[in-house]
Amino acid sequence: MQFAPAIPILRIFSVDKAREFYLDFLGFQLDWEHRFAPDLPLYMQIHRDGLILHLSEHHGDATPGSAVFARVEDLKALERELLAKRYGYARPQAEAVDWGLEMQVSDPFGNRLRFCQQIDNV
């Protein structure tokens, strides 16, 4: 038996805001979208490299204010990329922590993405 990596589900309340944040700002790519009917909530999968996320408008799929811990190989490069975009709602910066570097970014729905690069000697 072998487990695959978990796929976090994050609650969203606006498809437009989710696209602006996750696709335009963070650089994720859309894999697929699903609605049971045109007027029902959206469920979608996005990815960036090996990080896969599910975003859901469905009530009960996830709790607003959730946190995702995502490992990154070069956090300073991600920091530079995001700061260069001059996103109006966030200017995330990497911080030294006991286990390496960490950068927290909050989405428009109160969810937090904690990007971490493990470094032996910080």
PDB file of N, CA and C in Angstrom:
ATOM      1  N   MET A   1       0.838  -1.172   0.000  1.00  0.00           N
ATOM      2  CA  MET A   1       0.000   0.000   0.000  1.00  0.00           C
ATOM      3  C   MET A   1       0.885   1.238   0.000  1.00  0.00           C
ATOM      4  N   GLN A   2       0.471   2.261  -0.759  1.00  0.00           N
ATOM      5  CA  GLN A   2       1.222   3.511  -0.819  1.00  0.00           C
ATOM      6  C   GLN A   2       0.248   4.667  -0.898  1.00  0.00           C
ATOM      7  N   PHE A   3       0.472   5.676  -0.074  1.00  0.00           N
ATOM      8  CA  PHE A   3      -0.360   6.880  -0.102  1.00  0.00           C
ATOM      9  C   PHE A   3       0.200   7.874  -1.113  1.00  0.00           C
ATOM     10  N   ALA A   4      -0.686   8.587  -1.777  1.00  0.00           N
ATOM     11  CA  ALA A   4      -0.302   9.710  -2.642  1.00  0.00           C
ATOM     12  C   ALA A   4      -0.332  10.982  -1.803  1.00  0.00           C
ATOM     13  N   PRO A   5       0.323  12.053  -2.252  1.00  0.00           N
ATOM     14  CA  PRO A   5       0.252  13.313  -1.499  1.00  0.00           C
ATOM     15  C   PRO A   5      -1.199  13.782  -1.353  1.00  0.00           C
ATOM     16  N   ALA A   6      -1.501  14.353  -0.200  1.00  0.00           N
ATOM     17  CA  ALA A   6      -2.840  14.889   0.040  1.00  0.00           C
ATOM     18  C   ALA A   6      -3.082  16.112  -0.841  1.00  0.00           C
ATOM     19  N   ILE A   7      -4.326  16.339  -1.192  1.00  0.00           N
ATOM     20  CA  ILE A   7      -4.705  17.524  -1.967  1.00  0.00           C
ATOM     21  C   ILE A   7      -5.621  18.371  -1.079  1.00  0.00           C
ATOM     22  N   PRO A   8      -5.114  19.505  -0.604  1.00  0.00           N
ATOM     23  CA  PRO A   8      -5.952  20.364   0.232  1.00  0.00           C
ATOM     24  C   PRO A   8      -7.133  20.938  -0.554  1.00  0.00           C
ATOM     25  N   ILE A   9      -8.266  21.063   0.125  1.00  0.00           N
ATOM     26  CA  ILE A   9      -9.438  21.724  -0.438  1.00  0.00           C
ATOM     27  C   ILE A   9      -9.592  23.047   0.304  1.00  0.00           C
ATOM     28  N   LEU A  10      -9.635  24.145  -0.433  1.00  0.00           N
ATOM     29  CA  LEU A  10      -9.790  25.470   0.153  1.00  0.00           C
ATOM     30  C   LEU A  10     -11.119  26.074  -0.273  1.00  0.00           C
ATOM     31  N   ARG A  11     -11.825  26.672   0.655  1.00  0.00           N
ATOM     32  CA  ARG A  11     -13.124  27.286   0.396  1.00  0.00           C
ATOM     33  C   ARG A  11     -12.903  28.647  -0.242  1.00  0.00           C
ATOM     34  N   ILE A  12     -13.647  28.907  -1.298  1.00  0.00           N
ATOM     35  CA  ILE A  12     -13.622  30.209  -1.972  1.00  0.00           C
ATOM     36  C   ILE A  12     -15.044  30.738  -2.057  1.00  0.00           C
ATOM     37  N   PHE A  13     -15.182  32.056  -2.210  1.00  0.00           N
ATOM     38  CA  PHE A  13     -16.496  32.681  -2.282  1.00  0.00           C
ATOM     39  C   PHE A  13     -16.692  33.497  -3.549  1.00  0.00           C
ATOM     40  N   SER A  14     -15.646  33.628  -4.353  1.00  0.00           N
ATOM     41  CA  SER A  14     -15.717  34.379  -5.605  1.00  0.00           C
ATOM     42  C   SER A  14     -14.750  33.744  -6.597  1.00  0.00           C
ATOM     43  N   VAL A  15     -15.280  33.268  -7.700  1.00  0.00           N
ATOM     44  CA  VAL A  15     -14.434  32.650  -8.720  1.00  0.00           C
ATOM     45  C   VAL A  15     -13.462  33.679  -9.294  1.00  0.00           C
ATOM     46  N   ASP A  16     -13.941  34.893  -9.539  1.00  0.00           N
ATOM     47  CA  ASP A  16     -13.073  35.926 -10.101  1.00  0.00           C
ATOM     48  C   ASP A  16     -11.909  36.253  -9.174  1.00  0.00           C
ATOM     49  N   LYS A  17     -12.191  36.421  -7.889  1.00  0.00           N
ATOM     50  CA  LYS A  17     -11.120  36.705  -6.919  1.00  0.00           C
ATOM     51  C   LYS A  17     -10.158  35.525  -6.792  1.00  0.00           C
ATOM     52  N   ALA A  18     -10.691  34.309  -6.834  1.00  0.00           N
ATOM     53  CA  ALA A  18      -9.840  33.122  -6.754  1.00  0.00           C
ATOM     54  C   ALA A  18      -8.899  33.055  -7.956  1.00  0.00           C
ATOM     55  N   ARG A  19      -9.422  33.313  -9.138  1.00  0.00           N
ATOM     56  CA  ARG A  19      -8.575  33.297 -10.340  1.00  0.00           C
ATOM     57  C   ARG A  19      -7.496  34.377 -10.265  1.00  0.00           C
ATOM     58  N   GLU A  20      -7.889  35.575  -9.851  1.00  0.00           N
ATOM     59  CA  GLU A  20      -6.939  36.680  -9.738  1.00  0.00           C
ATOM     60  C   GLU A  20      -5.807  36.318  -8.775  1.00  0.00           C
ATOM     61  N   PHE A  21      -6.155  35.740  -7.636  1.00  0.00           N
ATOM     62  CA  PHE A  21      -5.154  35.426  -6.626  1.00  0.00           C
ATOM     63  C   PHE A  21      -4.311  34.206  -7.000  1.00  0.00           C
ATOM     64  N   TYR A  22      -4.974  33.088  -7.262  1.00  0.00           N
ATOM     65  CA  TYR A  22      -4.245  31.830  -7.461  1.00  0.00           C
ATOM     66  C   TYR A  22      -3.589  31.717  -8.832  1.00  0.00           C
ATOM     67  N   LEU A  23      -4.279  32.140  -9.882  1.00  0.00           N
ATOM     68  CA  LEU A  23      -3.720  31.997 -11.225  1.00  0.00           C
ATOM     69  C   LEU A  23      -2.831  33.183 -11.585  1.00  0.00           C
ATOM     70  N   ASP A  24      -3.348  34.401 -11.447  1.00  0.00           N
ATOM     71  CA  ASP A  24      -2.598  35.581 -11.865  1.00  0.00           C
ATOM     72  C   ASP A  24      -1.452  35.914 -10.910  1.00  0.00           C
ATOM     73  N   PHE A  25      -1.739  35.941  -9.609  1.00  0.00           N
ATOM     74  CA  PHE A  25      -0.720  36.341  -8.640  1.00  0.00           C
ATOM     75  C   PHE A  25       0.235  35.193  -8.290  1.00  0.00           C
ATOM     76  N   LEU A  26      -0.288  34.078  -7.836  1.00  0.00           N
ATOM     77  CA  LEU A  26       0.589  32.985  -7.395  1.00  0.00           C
ATOM     78  C   LEU A  26       1.130  32.122  -8.530  1.00  0.00           C
ATOM     79  N   GLY A  27       0.565  32.233  -9.722  1.00  0.00           N
ATOM     80  CA  GLY A  27       1.114  31.524 -10.875  1.00  0.00           C
ATOM     81  C   GLY A  27       0.683  30.076 -11.021  1.00  0.00           C
ATOM     82  N   PHE A  28      -0.414  29.698 -10.369  1.00  0.00           N
ATOM     83  CA  PHE A  28      -0.947  28.349 -10.554  1.00  0.00           C
ATOM     84  C   PHE A  28      -1.586  28.240 -11.934  1.00  0.00           C
ATOM     85  N   GLN A  29      -1.743  27.013 -12.408  1.00  0.00           N
ATOM     86  CA  GLN A  29      -2.424  26.749 -13.671  1.00  0.00           C
ATOM     87  C   GLN A  29      -3.707  25.986 -13.389  1.00  0.00           C
ATOM     88  N   LEU A  30      -4.735  26.298 -14.148  1.00  0.00           N
ATOM     89  CA  LEU A  30      -6.021  25.624 -14.017  1.00  0.00           C
ATOM     90  C   LEU A  30      -5.949  24.267 -14.695  1.00  0.00           C
ATOM     91  N   ASP A  31      -6.330  23.210 -13.963  1.00  0.00           N
ATOM     92  CA  ASP A  31      -6.371  21.859 -14.529  1.00  0.00           C
ATOM     93  C   ASP A  31      -7.770  21.537 -15.040  1.00  0.00           C
ATOM     94  N   TRP A  32      -8.781  21.789 -14.205  1.00  0.00           N
ATOM     95  CA  TRP A  32     -10.154  21.506 -14.610  1.00  0.00           C
ATOM     96  C   TRP A  32     -11.125  22.212 -13.667  1.00  0.00           C
ATOM     97  N   GLU A  33     -12.349  22.360 -14.149  1.00  0.00           N
ATOM     98  CA  GLU A  33     -13.447  22.942 -13.363  1.00  0.00           C
ATOM     99  C   GLU A  33     -14.652  22.019 -13.459  1.00  0.00           C
ATOM    100  N   HIS A  34     -15.490  22.044 -12.420  1.00  0.00           N
ATOM    101  CA  HIS A  34     -16.706  21.245 -12.447  1.00  0.00           C
ATOM    102  C   HIS A  34     -17.847  21.989 -11.749  1.00  0.00           C
ATOM    103  N   ARG A  35     -18.995  21.971 -12.392  1.00  0.00           N
ATOM    104  CA  ARG A  35     -20.249  22.433 -11.805  1.00  0.00           C
ATOM    105  C   ARG A  35     -21.290  21.383 -12.147  1.00  0.00           C
ATOM    106  N   PHE A  36     -22.165  21.061 -11.191  1.00  0.00           N
ATOM    107  CA  PHE A  36     -23.242  20.117 -11.478  1.00  0.00           C
ATOM    108  C   PHE A  36     -24.269  20.728 -12.421  1.00  0.00           C
ATOM    109  N   ALA A  37     -24.372  22.052 -12.413  1.00  0.00           N
ATOM    110  CA  ALA A  37     -25.244  22.811 -13.317  1.00  0.00           C
ATOM    111  C   ALA A  37     -24.667  24.221 -13.397  1.00  0.00           C
ATOM    112  N   PRO A  38     -24.989  24.978 -14.470  1.00  0.00           N
ATOM    113  CA  PRO A  38     -24.395  26.306 -14.646  1.00  0.00           C
ATOM    114  C   PRO A  38     -24.607  27.269 -13.475  1.00  0.00           C
ATOM    115  N   ASP A  39     -25.700  27.100 -12.728  1.00  0.00           N
ATOM    116  CA  ASP A  39     -25.989  28.025 -11.631  1.00  0.00           C
ATOM    117  C   ASP A  39     -25.579  27.469 -10.258  1.00  0.00           C
ATOM    118  N   LEU A  40     -24.835  26.378 -10.239  1.00  0.00           N
ATOM    119  CA  LEU A  40     -24.393  25.776  -8.981  1.00  0.00           C
ATOM    120  C   LEU A  40     -22.922  26.090  -8.708  1.00  0.00           C
ATOM    121  N   PRO A  41     -22.447  25.874  -7.473  1.00  0.00           N
ATOM    122  CA  PRO A  41     -21.085  26.240  -7.093  1.00  0.00           C
ATOM    123  C   PRO A  41     -20.016  25.546  -7.931  1.00  0.00           C
ATOM    124  N   LEU A  42     -18.881  26.217  -8.032  1.00  0.00           N
ATOM    125  CA  LEU A  42     -17.735  25.726  -8.795  1.00  0.00           C
ATOM    126  C   LEU A  42     -16.793  24.929  -7.895  1.00  0.00           C
ATOM    127  N   TYR A  43     -16.212  23.874  -8.467  1.00  0.00           N
ATOM    128  CA  TYR A  43     -15.148  23.099  -7.838  1.00  0.00           C
ATOM    129  C   TYR A  43     -14.052  22.998  -8.894  1.00  0.00           C
ATOM    130  N   MET A  44     -12.817  23.351  -8.546  1.00  0.00           N
ATOM    131  CA  MET A  44     -11.750  23.316  -9.549  1.00  0.00           C
ATOM    132  C   MET A  44     -10.447  22.818  -8.962  1.00  0.00           C
ATOM    133  N   GLN A  45      -9.597  22.330  -9.858  1.00  0.00           N
ATOM    134  CA  GLN A  45      -8.249  21.919  -9.480  1.00  0.00           C
ATOM    135  C   GLN A  45      -7.248  22.827 -10.168  1.00  0.00           C
ATOM    136  N   ILE A  46      -6.251  23.257  -9.379  1.00  0.00           N
ATOM    137  CA  ILE A  46      -5.151  24.064  -9.895  1.00  0.00           C
ATOM    138  C   ILE A  46      -3.845  23.411  -9.450  1.00  0.00           C
ATOM    139  N   HIS A  47      -2.760  23.765 -10.136  1.00  0.00           N
ATOM    140  CA  HIS A  47      -1.463  23.244  -9.722  1.00  0.00           C
ATOM    141  C   HIS A  47      -0.362  24.222 -10.076  1.00  0.00           C
ATOM    142  N   ARG A  48       0.721  24.109  -9.342  1.00  0.00           N
ATOM    143  CA  ARG A  48       1.971  24.780  -9.688  1.00  0.00           C
ATOM    144  C   ARG A  48       3.060  23.794  -9.307  1.00  0.00           C
ATOM    145  N   ASP A  49       3.775  23.346 -10.299  1.00  0.00           N
ATOM    146  CA  ASP A  49       4.767  22.286 -10.115  1.00  0.00           C
ATOM    147  C   ASP A  49       4.078  21.111  -9.429  1.00  0.00           C
ATOM    148  N   GLY A  50       4.580  20.644  -8.302  1.00  0.00           N
ATOM    149  CA  GLY A  50       4.008  19.478  -7.643  1.00  0.00           C
ATOM    150  C   GLY A  50       2.916  19.792  -6.635  1.00  0.00           C
ATOM    151  N   LEU A  51       2.596  21.068  -6.436  1.00  0.00           N
ATOM    152  CA  LEU A  51       1.565  21.450  -5.472  1.00  0.00           C
ATOM    153  C   LEU A  51       0.216  21.512  -6.175  1.00  0.00           C
ATOM    154  N   ILE A  52      -0.716  20.668  -5.739  1.00  0.00           N
ATOM    155  CA  ILE A  52      -2.068  20.625  -6.291  1.00  0.00           C
ATOM    156  C   ILE A  52      -3.027  21.110  -5.220  1.00  0.00           C
ATOM    157  N   LEU A  53      -3.946  21.987  -5.600  1.00  0.00           N
ATOM    158  CA  LEU A  53      -4.983  22.481  -4.695  1.00  0.00           C
ATOM    159  C   LEU A  53      -6.344  22.313  -5.341  1.00  0.00           C
ATOM    160  N   HIS A  54      -7.339  22.059  -4.524  1.00  0.00           N
ATOM    161  CA  HIS A  54      -8.731  22.098  -4.963  1.00  0.00           C
ATOM    162  C   HIS A  54      -9.372  23.322  -4.335  1.00  0.00           C
ATOM    163  N   LEU A  55     -10.083  24.093  -5.141  1.00  0.00           N
ATOM    164  CA  LEU A  55     -10.798  25.275  -4.677  1.00  0.00           C
ATOM    165  C   LEU A  55     -12.283  25.016  -4.849  1.00  0.00           C
ATOM    166  N   SER A  56     -13.057  25.310  -3.809  1.00  0.00           N
ATOM    167  CA  SER A  56     -14.467  24.946  -3.840  1.00  0.00           C
ATOM    168  C   SER A  56     -15.363  26.062  -3.324  1.00  0.00           C
ATOM    169  N   GLU A  57     -16.437  26.310  -4.075  1.00  0.00           N
ATOM    170  CA  GLU A  57     -17.490  27.210  -3.602  1.00  0.00           C
ATOM    171  C   GLU A  57     -18.552  26.456  -2.806  1.00  0.00           C
ATOM    172  N   HIS A  58     -18.453  25.144  -2.756  1.00  0.00           N
ATOM    173  CA  HIS A  58     -19.475  24.334  -2.099  1.00  0.00           C
ATOM    174  C   HIS A  58     -19.449  24.512  -0.587  1.00  0.00           C
ATOM    175  N   HIS A  59     -20.603  24.810  -0.015  1.00  0.00           N
ATOM    176  CA  HIS A  59     -20.739  24.908   1.429  1.00  0.00           C
ATOM    177  C   HIS A  59     -20.416  23.546   2.044  1.00  0.00           C
ATOM    178  N   GLY A  60     -19.589  23.538   3.057  1.00  0.00           N
ATOM    179  CA  GLY A  60     -19.261  22.301   3.738  1.00  0.00           C
ATOM    180  C   GLY A  60     -18.032  21.583   3.213  1.00  0.00           C
ATOM    181  N   ASP A  61     -17.488  21.985   2.066  1.00  0.00           N
ATOM    182  CA  ASP A  61     -16.295  21.318   1.543  1.00  0.00           C
ATOM    183  C   ASP A  61     -15.044  21.658   2.343  1.00  0.00           C
ATOM    184  N   ALA A  62     -14.980  22.841   2.871  1.00  0.00           N
ATOM    185  CA  ALA A  62     -13.796  23.265   3.600  1.00  0.00           C
ATOM    186  C   ALA A  62     -14.182  24.418   4.520  1.00  0.00           C
ATOM    187  N   THR A  63     -13.289  24.724   5.444  1.00  0.00           N
ATOM    188  CA  THR A  63     -13.531  25.789   6.406  1.00  0.00           C
ATOM    189  C   THR A  63     -12.705  27.006   6.024  1.00  0.00           C
ATOM    190  N   PRO A  64     -13.324  28.166   5.863  1.00  0.00           N
ATOM    191  CA  PRO A  64     -12.528  29.382   5.619  1.00  0.00           C
ATOM    192  C   PRO A  64     -11.523  29.576   6.751  1.00  0.00           C
ATOM    193  N   GLY A  65     -10.352  30.041   6.402  1.00  0.00           N
ATOM    194  CA  GLY A  65      -9.309  30.243   7.400  1.00  0.00           C
ATOM    195  C   GLY A  65      -8.382  29.060   7.541  1.00  0.00           C
ATOM    196  N   SER A  66      -8.431  28.126   6.619  1.00  0.00           N
ATOM    197  CA  SER A  66      -7.546  26.961   6.657  1.00  0.00           C
ATOM    198  C   SER A  66      -6.118  27.374   6.291  1.00  0.00           C
ATOM    199  N   ALA A  67      -5.166  26.513   6.629  1.00  0.00           N
ATOM    200  CA  ALA A  67      -3.769  26.755   6.296  1.00  0.00           C
ATOM    201  C   ALA A  67      -3.216  25.575   5.513  1.00  0.00           C
ATOM    202  N   VAL A  68      -2.372  25.870   4.539  1.00  0.00           N
ATOM    203  CA  VAL A  68      -1.683  24.855   3.746  1.00  0.00           C
ATOM    204  C   VAL A  68      -0.186  25.091   3.916  1.00  0.00           C
ATOM    205  N   PHE A  69       0.550  24.041   4.256  1.00  0.00           N
ATOM    206  CA  PHE A  69       2.006  24.100   4.389  1.00  0.00           C
ATOM    207  C   PHE A  69       2.598  23.520   3.114  1.00  0.00           C
ATOM    208  N   ALA A  70       3.318  24.334   2.358  1.00  0.00           N
ATOM    209  CA  ALA A  70       3.858  23.908   1.064  1.00  0.00           C
ATOM    210  C   ALA A  70       5.377  24.080   1.053  1.00  0.00           C
ATOM    211  N   ARG A  71       6.077  22.997   0.775  1.00  0.00           N
ATOM    212  CA  ARG A  71       7.533  23.056   0.696  1.00  0.00           C
ATOM    213  C   ARG A  71       7.959  23.627  -0.659  1.00  0.00           C
ATOM    214  N   VAL A  72       8.985  24.465  -0.631  1.00  0.00           N
ATOM    215  CA  VAL A  72       9.509  25.129  -1.823  1.00  0.00           C
ATOM    216  C   VAL A  72      11.031  24.998  -1.796  1.00  0.00           C
ATOM    217  N   GLU A  73      11.636  24.789  -2.960  1.00  0.00           N
ATOM    218  CA  GLU A  73      13.098  24.659  -3.017  1.00  0.00           C
ATOM    219  C   GLU A  73      13.820  25.997  -2.945  1.00  0.00           C
ATOM    220  N   ASP A  74      13.287  27.038  -3.568  1.00  0.00           N
ATOM    221  CA  ASP A  74      13.952  28.343  -3.580  1.00  0.00           C
ATOM    222  C   ASP A  74      12.921  29.415  -3.218  1.00  0.00           C
ATOM    223  N   LEU A  75      12.720  29.594  -1.931  1.00  0.00           N
ATOM    224  CA  LEU A  75      11.688  30.513  -1.465  1.00  0.00           C
ATOM    225  C   LEU A  75      12.010  31.957  -1.827  1.00  0.00           C
ATOM    226  N   LYS A  76      13.264  32.332  -1.825  1.00  0.00           N
ATOM    227  CA  LYS A  76      13.633  33.711  -2.183  1.00  0.00           C
ATOM    228  C   LYS A  76      13.271  34.005  -3.638  1.00  0.00           C
ATOM    229  N   ALA A  77      13.377  33.031  -4.517  1.00  0.00           N
ATOM    230  CA  ALA A  77      12.973  33.227  -5.915  1.00  0.00           C
ATOM    231  C   ALA A  77      11.462  33.450  -5.994  1.00  0.00           C
ATOM    232  N   LEU A  78      10.696  32.683  -5.221  1.00  0.00           N
ATOM    233  CA  LEU A  78       9.242  32.892  -5.199  1.00  0.00           C
ATOM    234  C   LEU A  78       8.916  34.264  -4.632  1.00  0.00           C
ATOM    235  N   GLU A  79       9.606  34.665  -3.594  1.00  0.00           N
ATOM    236  CA  GLU A  79       9.404  35.995  -3.012  1.00  0.00           C
ATOM    237  C   GLU A  79       9.643  37.087  -4.066  1.00  0.00           C
ATOM    238  N   ARG A  80      10.751  37.003  -4.782  1.00  0.00           N
ATOM    239  CA  ARG A  80      11.062  38.002  -5.822  1.00  0.00           C
ATOM    240  C   ARG A  80       9.983  38.018  -6.903  1.00  0.00           C
ATOM    241  N   GLU A  81       9.546  36.834  -7.320  1.00  0.00           N
ATOM    242  CA  GLU A  81       8.511  36.728  -8.355  1.00  0.00           C
ATOM    243  C   GLU A  81       7.218  37.411  -7.911  1.00  0.00           C
ATOM    244  N   LEU A  82       6.785  37.122  -6.691  1.00  0.00           N
ATOM    245  CA  LEU A  82       5.523  37.691  -6.211  1.00  0.00           C
ATOM    246  C   LEU A  82       5.631  39.197  -5.982  1.00  0.00           C
ATOM    247  N   LEU A  83       6.737  39.653  -5.414  1.00  0.00           N
ATOM    248  CA  LEU A  83       6.901  41.098  -5.199  1.00  0.00           C
ATOM    249  C   LEU A  83       6.947  41.854  -6.520  1.00  0.00           C
ATOM    250  N   ALA A  84       7.512  41.279  -7.550  1.00  0.00           N
ATOM    251  CA  ALA A  84       7.598  41.932  -8.862  1.00  0.00           C
ATOM    252  C   ALA A  84       6.219  42.123  -9.490  1.00  0.00           C
ATOM    253  N   LYS A  85       5.242  41.321  -9.090  1.00  0.00           N
ATOM    254  CA  LYS A  85       3.895  41.446  -9.653  1.00  0.00           C
ATOM    255  C   LYS A  85       3.131  42.626  -9.077  1.00  0.00           C
ATOM    256  N   ARG A  86       3.600  43.173  -7.959  1.00  0.00           N
ATOM    257  CA  ARG A  86       2.991  44.352  -7.339  1.00  0.00           C
ATOM    258  C   ARG A  86       1.480  44.156  -7.137  1.00  0.00           C
ATOM    259  N   TYR A  87       1.123  43.002  -6.636  1.00  0.00           N
ATOM    260  CA  TYR A  87      -0.265  42.659  -6.337  1.00  0.00           C
ATOM    261  C   TYR A  87      -0.795  43.634  -5.291  1.00  0.00           C
ATOM    262  N   GLY A  88      -1.977  44.157  -5.504  1.00  0.00           N
ATOM    263  CA  GLY A  88      -2.523  45.198  -4.650  1.00  0.00           C
ATOM    264  C   GLY A  88      -2.909  44.777  -3.249  1.00  0.00           C
ATOM    265  N   TYR A  89      -2.979  43.488  -2.997  1.00  0.00           N
ATOM    266  CA  TYR A  89      -3.478  43.030  -1.703  1.00  0.00           C
ATOM    267  C   TYR A  89      -2.453  42.263  -0.875  1.00  0.00           C
ATOM    268  N   ALA A  90      -1.237  42.107  -1.359  1.00  0.00           N
ATOM    269  CA  ALA A  90      -0.222  41.379  -0.589  1.00  0.00           C
ATOM    270  C   ALA A  90       1.172  41.681  -1.118  1.00  0.00           C
ATOM    271  N   ARG A  91       2.092  41.824  -0.210  1.00  0.00           N
ATOM    272  CA  ARG A  91       3.510  41.957  -0.519  1.00  0.00           C
ATOM    273  C   ARG A  91       4.267  40.975   0.393  1.00  0.00           C
ATOM    274  N   PRO A  92       4.138  39.680   0.126  1.00  0.00           N
ATOM    275  CA  PRO A  92       4.710  38.686   1.035  1.00  0.00           C
ATOM    276  C   PRO A  92       6.232  38.717   1.052  1.00  0.00           C
ATOM    277  N   GLN A  93       6.786  38.440   2.237  1.00  0.00           N
ATOM    278  CA  GLN A  93       8.232  38.405   2.387  1.00  0.00           C
ATOM    279  C   GLN A  93       8.638  37.167   3.187  1.00  0.00           C
ATOM    280  N   ALA A  94       9.748  36.579   2.785  1.00  0.00           N
ATOM    281  CA  ALA A  94      10.286  35.408   3.473  1.00  0.00           C
ATOM    282  C   ALA A  94      10.865  35.838   4.816  1.00  0.00           C
ATOM    283  N   GLU A  95      10.664  34.979   5.809  1.00  0.00           N
ATOM    284  CA  GLU A  95      11.197  35.226   7.144  1.00  0.00           C
ATOM    285  C   GLU A  95      11.995  34.014   7.589  1.00  0.00           C
ATOM    286  N   ALA A  96      13.064  34.270   8.324  1.00  0.00           N
ATOM    287  CA  ALA A  96      13.845  33.174   8.893  1.00  0.00           C
ATOM    288  C   ALA A  96      13.091  32.589  10.085  1.00  0.00           C
ATOM    289  N   VAL A  97      12.969  31.274  10.109  1.00  0.00           N
ATOM    290  CA  VAL A  97      12.368  30.543  11.223  1.00  0.00           C
ATOM    291  C   VAL A  97      13.354  29.438  11.620  1.00  0.00           C
ATOM    292  N   ASP A  98      13.064  28.746  12.695  1.00  0.00           N
ATOM    293  CA  ASP A  98      14.005  27.737  13.199  1.00  0.00           C
ATOM    294  C   ASP A  98      14.373  26.671  12.173  1.00  0.00           C
ATOM    295  N   TRP A  99      13.468  26.359  11.261  1.00  0.00           N
ATOM    296  CA  TRP A  99      13.694  25.255  10.317  1.00  0.00           C
ATOM    297  C   TRP A  99      14.056  25.733   8.914  1.00  0.00           C
ATOM    298  N   GLY A 100      14.163  27.050   8.699  1.00  0.00           N
ATOM    299  CA  GLY A 100      14.534  27.546   7.377  1.00  0.00           C
ATOM    300  C   GLY A 100      13.942  28.900   7.084  1.00  0.00           C
ATOM    301  N   LEU A 101      13.329  29.009   5.930  1.00  0.00           N
ATOM    302  CA  LEU A 101      12.646  30.237   5.526  1.00  0.00           C
ATOM    303  C   LEU A 101      11.171  29.937   5.335  1.00  0.00           C
ATOM    304  N   GLU A 102      10.327  30.881   5.713  1.00  0.00           N
ATOM    305  CA  GLU A 102       8.894  30.696   5.559  1.00  0.00           C
ATOM    306  C   GLU A 102       8.278  32.007   5.080  1.00  0.00           C
ATOM    307  N   MET A 103       7.282  31.878   4.207  1.00  0.00           N
ATOM    308  CA  MET A 103       6.561  33.045   3.702  1.00  0.00           C
ATOM    309  C   MET A 103       5.080  32.704   3.707  1.00  0.00           C
ATOM    310  N   GLN A 104       4.312  33.489   4.420  1.00  0.00           N
ATOM    311  CA  GLN A 104       2.874  33.238   4.501  1.00  0.00           C
ATOM    312  C   GLN A 104       2.118  34.234   3.628  1.00  0.00           C
ATOM    313  N   VAL A 105       1.171  33.705   2.864  1.00  0.00           N
ATOM    314  CA  VAL A 105       0.337  34.527   1.987  1.00  0.00           C
ATOM    315  C   VAL A 105      -1.115  34.157   2.276  1.00  0.00           C
ATOM    316  N   SER A 106      -1.943  35.159   2.510  1.00  0.00           N
ATOM    317  CA  SER A 106      -3.367  34.915   2.751  1.00  0.00           C
ATOM    318  C   SER A 106      -4.156  35.187   1.486  1.00  0.00           C
ATOM    319  N   ASP A 107      -5.094  34.288   1.171  1.00  0.00           N
ATOM    320  CA  ASP A 107      -5.943  34.497  -0.003  1.00  0.00           C
ATOM    321  C   ASP A 107      -7.118  35.405   0.373  1.00  0.00           C
ATOM    322  N   PRO A 108      -7.928  35.829  -0.600  1.00  0.00           N
ATOM    323  CA  PRO A 108      -9.041  36.740  -0.313  1.00  0.00           C
ATOM    324  C   PRO A 108     -10.132  36.135   0.568  1.00  0.00           C
ATOM    325  N   PHE A 109     -10.034  34.866   0.904  1.00  0.00           N
ATOM    326  CA  PHE A 109     -11.083  34.173   1.652  1.00  0.00           C
ATOM    327  C   PHE A 109     -10.623  33.783   3.056  1.00  0.00           C
ATOM    328  N   GLY A 110      -9.448  34.257   3.457  1.00  0.00           N
ATOM    329  CA  GLY A 110      -8.938  33.988   4.795  1.00  0.00           C
ATOM    330  C   GLY A 110      -8.099  32.737   4.916  1.00  0.00           C
ATOM    331  N   ASN A 111      -7.884  32.021   3.829  1.00  0.00           N
ATOM    332  CA  ASN A 111      -7.012  30.843   3.850  1.00  0.00           C
ATOM    333  C   ASN A 111      -5.560  31.305   3.795  1.00  0.00           C
ATOM    334  N   ARG A 112      -4.667  30.546   4.416  1.00  0.00           N
ATOM    335  CA  ARG A 112      -3.254  30.906   4.451  1.00  0.00           C
ATOM    336  C   ARG A 112      -2.405  29.835   3.786  1.00  0.00           C
ATOM    337  N   LEU A 113      -1.522  30.271   2.929  1.00  0.00           N
ATOM    338  CA  LEU A 113      -0.555  29.368   2.315  1.00  0.00           C
ATOM    339  C   LEU A 113       0.799  29.685   2.929  1.00  0.00           C
ATOM    340  N   ARG A 114       1.386  28.692   3.588  1.00  0.00           N
ATOM    341  CA  ARG A 114       2.700  28.857   4.204  1.00  0.00           C
ATOM    342  C   ARG A 114       3.717  28.137   3.339  1.00  0.00           C
ATOM    343  N   PHE A 115       4.485  28.907   2.607  1.00  0.00           N
ATOM    344  CA  PHE A 115       5.536  28.353   1.770  1.00  0.00           C
ATOM    345  C   PHE A 115       6.802  28.254   2.618  1.00  0.00           C
ATOM    346  N   CYS A 116       7.460  27.105   2.597  1.00  0.00           N
ATOM    347  CA  CYS A 116       8.617  26.891   3.452  1.00  0.00           C
ATOM    348  C   CYS A 116       9.765  26.258   2.673  1.00  0.00           C
ATOM    349  N   GLN A 117      10.953  26.757   2.928  1.00  0.00           N
ATOM    350  CA  GLN A 117      12.183  26.141   2.423  1.00  0.00           C
ATOM    351  C   GLN A 117      12.981  25.699   3.638  1.00  0.00           C
ATOM    352  N   GLN A 118      13.182  24.404   3.775  1.00  0.00           N
ATOM    353  CA  GLN A 118      13.949  23.891   4.912  1.00  0.00           C
ATOM    354  C   GLN A 118      15.426  24.130   4.667  1.00  0.00           C
ATOM    355  N   ILE A 119      16.087  24.733   5.635  1.00  0.00           N
ATOM    356  CA  ILE A 119      17.522  25.022   5.552  1.00  0.00           C
ATOM    357  C   ILE A 119      18.144  24.554   6.860  1.00  0.00           C
ATOM    358  N   ASP A 120      19.259  23.839   6.787  1.00  0.00           N
ATOM    359  CA  ASP A 120      19.869  23.290   7.984  1.00  0.00           C
ATOM    360  C   ASP A 120      20.409  24.374   8.913  1.00  0.00           C
ATOM    361  N   ASN A 121      21.096  25.349   8.374  1.00  0.00           N
ATOM    362  CA  ASN A 121      21.693  26.414   9.210  1.00  0.00           C
ATOM    363  C   ASN A 121      21.132  27.757   8.765  1.00  0.00           C
ATOM    364  N   VAL A 122      20.159  28.243   9.493  1.00  0.00           N
ATOM    365  CA  VAL A 122      19.571  29.551   9.150  1.00  0.00           C
ATOM    366  C   VAL A 122      20.324  30.628   9.860  1.00  0.00           C
TER     367      VAL A 122
END
